[in-house]
């Protein structure tokens, strides 16, 4: 009977492995509660994923158009952009799957929003994704934003740091090139600020259990 026991044990392992790798970012998006994708119902999500964009029909359509656009997607990552015209407003939502050491899936959700002139990171949180269900993960710690001084050179005077800090456009990139992690980005439209900016990428790298800060 031993070969039979080994056979079923191996088959169970194969099924577990297939289930873990069979989940995609589209499965995550469909399970994401509406509060994280305002006005984008599951039916709207289906349309967005099929056609690449979705126009939201509301009582505000007489003064402008709100639209979601799928601006980039892989099996483990997606970037959705909400825009409102003719107003110069936007919101970027990113989702990314990270594999844990034990084989489970961690999902990170990011949202930043504002206008082209001034925007900021609004939310950054982690979920566990098990059996196609999302649950809050309170163990993985991620700062939504960093201290302003992280984005500037070390020798910047305190007076300039305080002055420039309020004018930073802050966001997170969940799919930095060549890195399994999260990049914290600060941009500015003020040219006088550029001489003091720290241009080295600030990335929190995923090691299978937590995100660790790495400055290149």
Protein backbone atom coordinates (compact mmCIF):
# COMPACT_ATOMS: atom_id res chain seq x y z
CA UNK A 1 0.00 0.00 0.00
CA UNK A 2 2.97 2.37 0.39
CA UNK A 3 3.17 3.25 -3.35
CA UNK A 4 -0.50 4.25 -3.28
CA UNK A 5 0.04 6.55 -0.29
CA UNK A 6 3.04 8.17 -1.98
CA UNK A 7 1.09 8.57 -5.19
CA UNK A 8 -1.80 10.42 -3.57
CA UNK A 9 0.57 12.54 -1.49
CA UNK A 10 2.44 13.60 -4.65
CA UNK A 11 -0.78 14.31 -6.48
CA UNK A 12 -1.96 16.54 -3.63
CA UNK A 13 1.32 18.49 -3.77
CA UNK A 14 1.01 18.95 -7.54
CA UNK A 15 -2.56 20.23 -7.18
CA UNK A 16 -1.50 22.67 -4.47
CA UNK A 17 1.35 23.98 -6.62
CA UNK A 18 -0.88 24.38 -9.65
CA UNK A 19 -3.49 26.29 -7.63
CA UNK A 20 -0.87 28.66 -6.26
CA UNK A 21 0.63 29.48 -9.64
CA UNK A 22 -2.72 29.46 -11.47
CA UNK A 23 -3.93 32.63 -9.78
CA UNK A 24 -3.41 35.84 -11.76
CA UNK A 25 -3.74 39.54 -11.07
CA UNK A 26 -7.14 39.48 -12.78
CA UNK A 27 -8.40 37.11 -10.09
CA UNK A 28 -7.15 39.56 -7.48
CA UNK A 29 -8.83 42.53 -9.18
CA UNK A 30 -12.17 40.75 -9.29
CA UNK A 31 -11.99 40.03 -5.55
CA UNK A 32 -10.95 43.58 -4.63
CA UNK A 33 -13.81 45.35 -2.81
CA UNK A 34 -15.46 48.31 -4.54
CA UNK A 35 -14.06 50.73 -1.96
CA UNK A 36 -10.61 50.27 -3.54
CA UNK A 37 -11.79 50.82 -7.13
CA UNK A 38 -14.42 53.58 -6.83
CA UNK A 39 -17.36 53.18 -9.23
CA UNK A 40 -15.79 50.09 -10.81
CA UNK A 41 -18.14 47.18 -10.20
CA UNK A 42 -17.28 43.60 -11.12
CA UNK A 43 -19.26 43.94 -14.34
CA UNK A 44 -17.33 47.13 -15.13
CA UNK A 45 -14.08 45.31 -14.34
CA UNK A 46 -14.97 42.63 -16.89
CA UNK A 47 -15.53 45.29 -19.53
CA UNK A 48 -12.33 47.12 -18.61
CA UNK A 49 -10.24 43.96 -18.86
CA UNK A 50 -11.85 43.00 -22.16
CA UNK A 51 -11.69 46.34 -23.95
CA UNK A 52 -8.88 48.16 -22.12
CA UNK A 53 -11.03 51.08 -20.95
CA UNK A 54 -14.37 51.75 -19.29
CA UNK A 55 -16.40 54.97 -19.27
CA UNK A 56 -18.37 55.51 -16.06
CA UNK A 57 -21.95 56.63 -16.66
CA UNK A 58 -23.16 58.92 -13.87
CA UNK A 59 -25.22 62.08 -13.38
CA UNK A 60 -21.94 63.99 -13.79
CA UNK A 61 -21.57 63.12 -17.47
CA UNK A 62 -23.08 66.42 -18.52
CA UNK A 63 -20.09 68.25 -17.06
CA UNK A 64 -17.34 65.77 -17.85
CA UNK A 65 -16.32 62.17 -18.41
CA UNK A 66 -14.82 59.76 -15.92
CA UNK A 67 -12.94 56.82 -17.37
CA UNK A 68 -10.79 53.90 -16.25
CA UNK A 69 -7.94 52.73 -18.49
CA UNK A 70 -5.85 49.60 -18.19
CA UNK A 71 -2.36 51.01 -18.77
CA UNK A 72 -0.30 47.89 -18.15
CA UNK A 73 -0.77 44.28 -17.13
CA UNK A 74 1.18 41.09 -16.53
CA UNK A 75 0.15 37.91 -14.73
CA UNK A 76 1.18 39.43 -11.39
CA UNK A 77 0.75 43.18 -11.90
CA UNK A 78 -1.81 45.68 -13.20
CA UNK A 79 -1.96 49.48 -13.44
CA UNK A 80 -5.34 51.21 -13.76
CA UNK A 81 -5.74 54.93 -14.35
CA UNK A 82 -8.93 56.85 -13.56
CA UNK A 83 -9.24 60.20 -15.31
CA UNK A 84 -11.78 62.98 -15.24
CA UNK A 85 -12.10 65.34 -18.21
CA UNK A 86 -12.18 68.23 -18.85
CA UNK A 87 -10.86 68.57 -15.29
CA UNK A 88 -7.17 67.76 -14.95
CA UNK A 89 -7.68 65.09 -12.29
CA UNK A 90 -6.44 61.52 -12.16
CA UNK A 91 -6.00 58.50 -9.92
CA UNK A 92 -3.58 55.61 -10.38
CA UNK A 93 -4.33 52.20 -8.87
CA UNK A 94 -1.72 49.45 -8.90
CA UNK A 95 -1.94 45.84 -7.76
CA UNK A 96 0.93 43.40 -7.53
CA UNK A 97 1.32 39.82 -6.37
CA UNK A 98 4.40 38.76 -4.39
CA UNK A 99 5.22 35.15 -3.55
CA UNK A 100 5.93 34.27 0.07
CA UNK A 101 8.57 31.77 1.15
CA UNK A 102 5.82 29.30 2.08
CA UNK A 103 4.27 29.60 -1.39
CA UNK A 104 1.32 31.78 -0.40
CA UNK A 105 0.56 35.02 -2.22
CA UNK A 106 0.84 38.53 -0.82
CA UNK A 107 -0.95 41.31 -2.70
CA UNK A 108 0.02 44.97 -2.44
CA UNK A 109 -2.48 47.69 -3.34
CA UNK A 110 -1.36 51.24 -4.13
CA UNK A 111 -3.31 54.37 -4.96
CA UNK A 112 -2.10 57.88 -5.67
CA UNK A 113 -4.15 60.77 -6.99
CA UNK A 114 -4.44 64.50 -7.62
CA UNK A 115 -3.77 66.77 -10.55
CA UNK A 116 -0.81 66.87 -12.91
CA UNK A 117 0.49 69.88 -10.98
CA UNK A 118 0.22 68.31 -7.53
CA UNK A 119 -0.53 64.73 -6.52
CA UNK A 120 0.29 62.39 -3.68
CA UNK A 121 0.23 58.82 -2.42
CA UNK A 122 -3.16 58.13 -0.82
CA UNK A 123 -3.01 54.48 0.15
CA UNK A 124 -0.60 51.53 0.34
CA UNK A 125 -1.65 48.28 1.97
CA UNK A 126 -1.07 44.53 1.89
CA UNK A 127 -3.46 41.60 1.61
CA UNK A 128 -3.17 37.83 1.76
CA UNK A 129 -4.70 36.05 -1.23
CA UNK A 130 -5.67 32.51 -0.35
CA UNK A 131 -8.30 30.38 -2.11
CA UNK A 132 -9.24 33.40 -4.25
CA UNK A 133 -10.09 35.45 -1.15
CA UNK A 134 -8.45 38.69 -0.02
CA UNK A 135 -7.85 39.33 3.67
CA UNK A 136 -5.95 42.16 5.34
CA UNK A 137 -2.34 41.37 6.16
CA UNK A 138 -1.26 43.21 9.31
CA UNK A 139 2.18 41.61 9.57
CA UNK A 140 3.81 43.11 6.49
CA UNK A 141 4.68 46.72 7.28
CA UNK A 142 4.85 49.28 4.46
CA UNK A 143 5.13 53.04 4.93
CA UNK A 144 2.70 54.89 2.68
CA UNK A 145 5.27 57.67 2.22
CA UNK A 146 8.80 58.31 3.42
CA UNK A 147 10.23 61.19 5.39
CA UNK A 148 10.80 64.09 2.99
CA UNK A 149 14.53 64.15 3.72
CA UNK A 150 14.86 60.71 2.10
CA UNK A 151 14.27 62.32 -1.29
CA UNK A 152 16.94 65.02 -0.92
CA UNK A 153 20.70 65.14 -0.67
CA UNK A 154 22.11 64.90 2.85
CA UNK A 155 23.60 68.39 2.80
CA UNK A 156 20.35 70.23 2.01
CA UNK A 157 19.77 73.06 4.52
CA UNK A 158 16.83 72.52 6.88
CA UNK A 159 15.22 75.75 5.69
CA UNK A 160 15.15 74.52 2.08
CA UNK A 161 14.01 71.05 3.07
CA UNK A 162 11.00 72.44 4.90
CA UNK A 163 10.21 74.75 1.98
CA UNK A 164 10.55 72.10 -0.74
CA UNK A 165 8.86 69.22 1.11
CA UNK A 166 5.35 70.56 0.57
CA UNK A 167 5.86 70.73 -3.19
CA UNK A 168 6.85 67.13 -3.79
CA UNK A 169 4.68 64.87 -5.93
CA UNK A 170 4.84 61.52 -4.15
CA UNK A 171 3.90 58.09 -5.48
CA UNK A 172 4.79 54.41 -5.35
CA UNK A 173 5.66 52.16 -8.27
CA UNK A 174 4.80 48.52 -7.63
CA UNK A 175 6.65 47.27 -10.70
CA UNK A 176 10.14 48.83 -10.73
CA UNK A 177 12.30 47.53 -13.55
CA UNK A 178 14.61 44.73 -12.49
CA UNK A 179 13.38 44.63 -8.89
CA UNK A 180 10.96 42.49 -6.94
CA UNK A 181 9.77 45.30 -4.72
CA UNK A 182 8.22 48.75 -4.38
CA UNK A 183 9.82 52.00 -5.50
CA UNK A 184 9.12 55.27 -3.68
CA UNK A 185 9.16 58.19 -6.11
CA UNK A 186 9.31 61.96 -5.60
CA UNK A 187 8.99 64.37 -8.51
CA UNK A 188 8.78 68.13 -8.78
CA UNK A 189 8.01 70.78 -11.37
CA UNK A 190 10.25 73.31 -9.65
CA UNK A 191 13.61 73.38 -11.46
CA UNK A 192 15.38 75.06 -8.53
CA UNK A 193 14.62 71.98 -6.43
CA UNK A 194 16.31 69.51 -8.78
CA UNK A 195 19.85 70.41 -7.66
CA UNK A 196 18.98 69.20 -4.16
CA UNK A 197 17.07 66.04 -5.11
CA UNK A 198 18.43 62.58 -4.35
CA UNK A 199 18.17 60.88 -7.73
CA UNK A 200 19.03 57.37 -6.49
CA UNK A 201 16.02 55.00 -6.61
CA UNK A 202 14.55 54.16 -3.21
CA UNK A 203 13.24 50.62 -3.34
CA UNK A 204 11.83 48.31 -0.68
CA UNK A 205 12.78 44.82 -1.88
CA UNK A 206 10.62 41.79 -1.13
CA UNK A 207 12.56 38.84 0.39
CA UNK A 208 9.64 36.43 0.71
CA UNK A 209 8.75 37.53 4.24
CA UNK A 210 9.05 41.33 4.37
CA UNK A 211 10.07 44.43 2.44
CA UNK A 212 13.58 45.71 3.16
CA UNK A 213 14.79 49.18 2.18
CA UNK A 214 17.49 49.25 -0.48
CA UNK A 215 19.04 52.45 -1.84
CA UNK A 216 21.02 52.07 -5.04
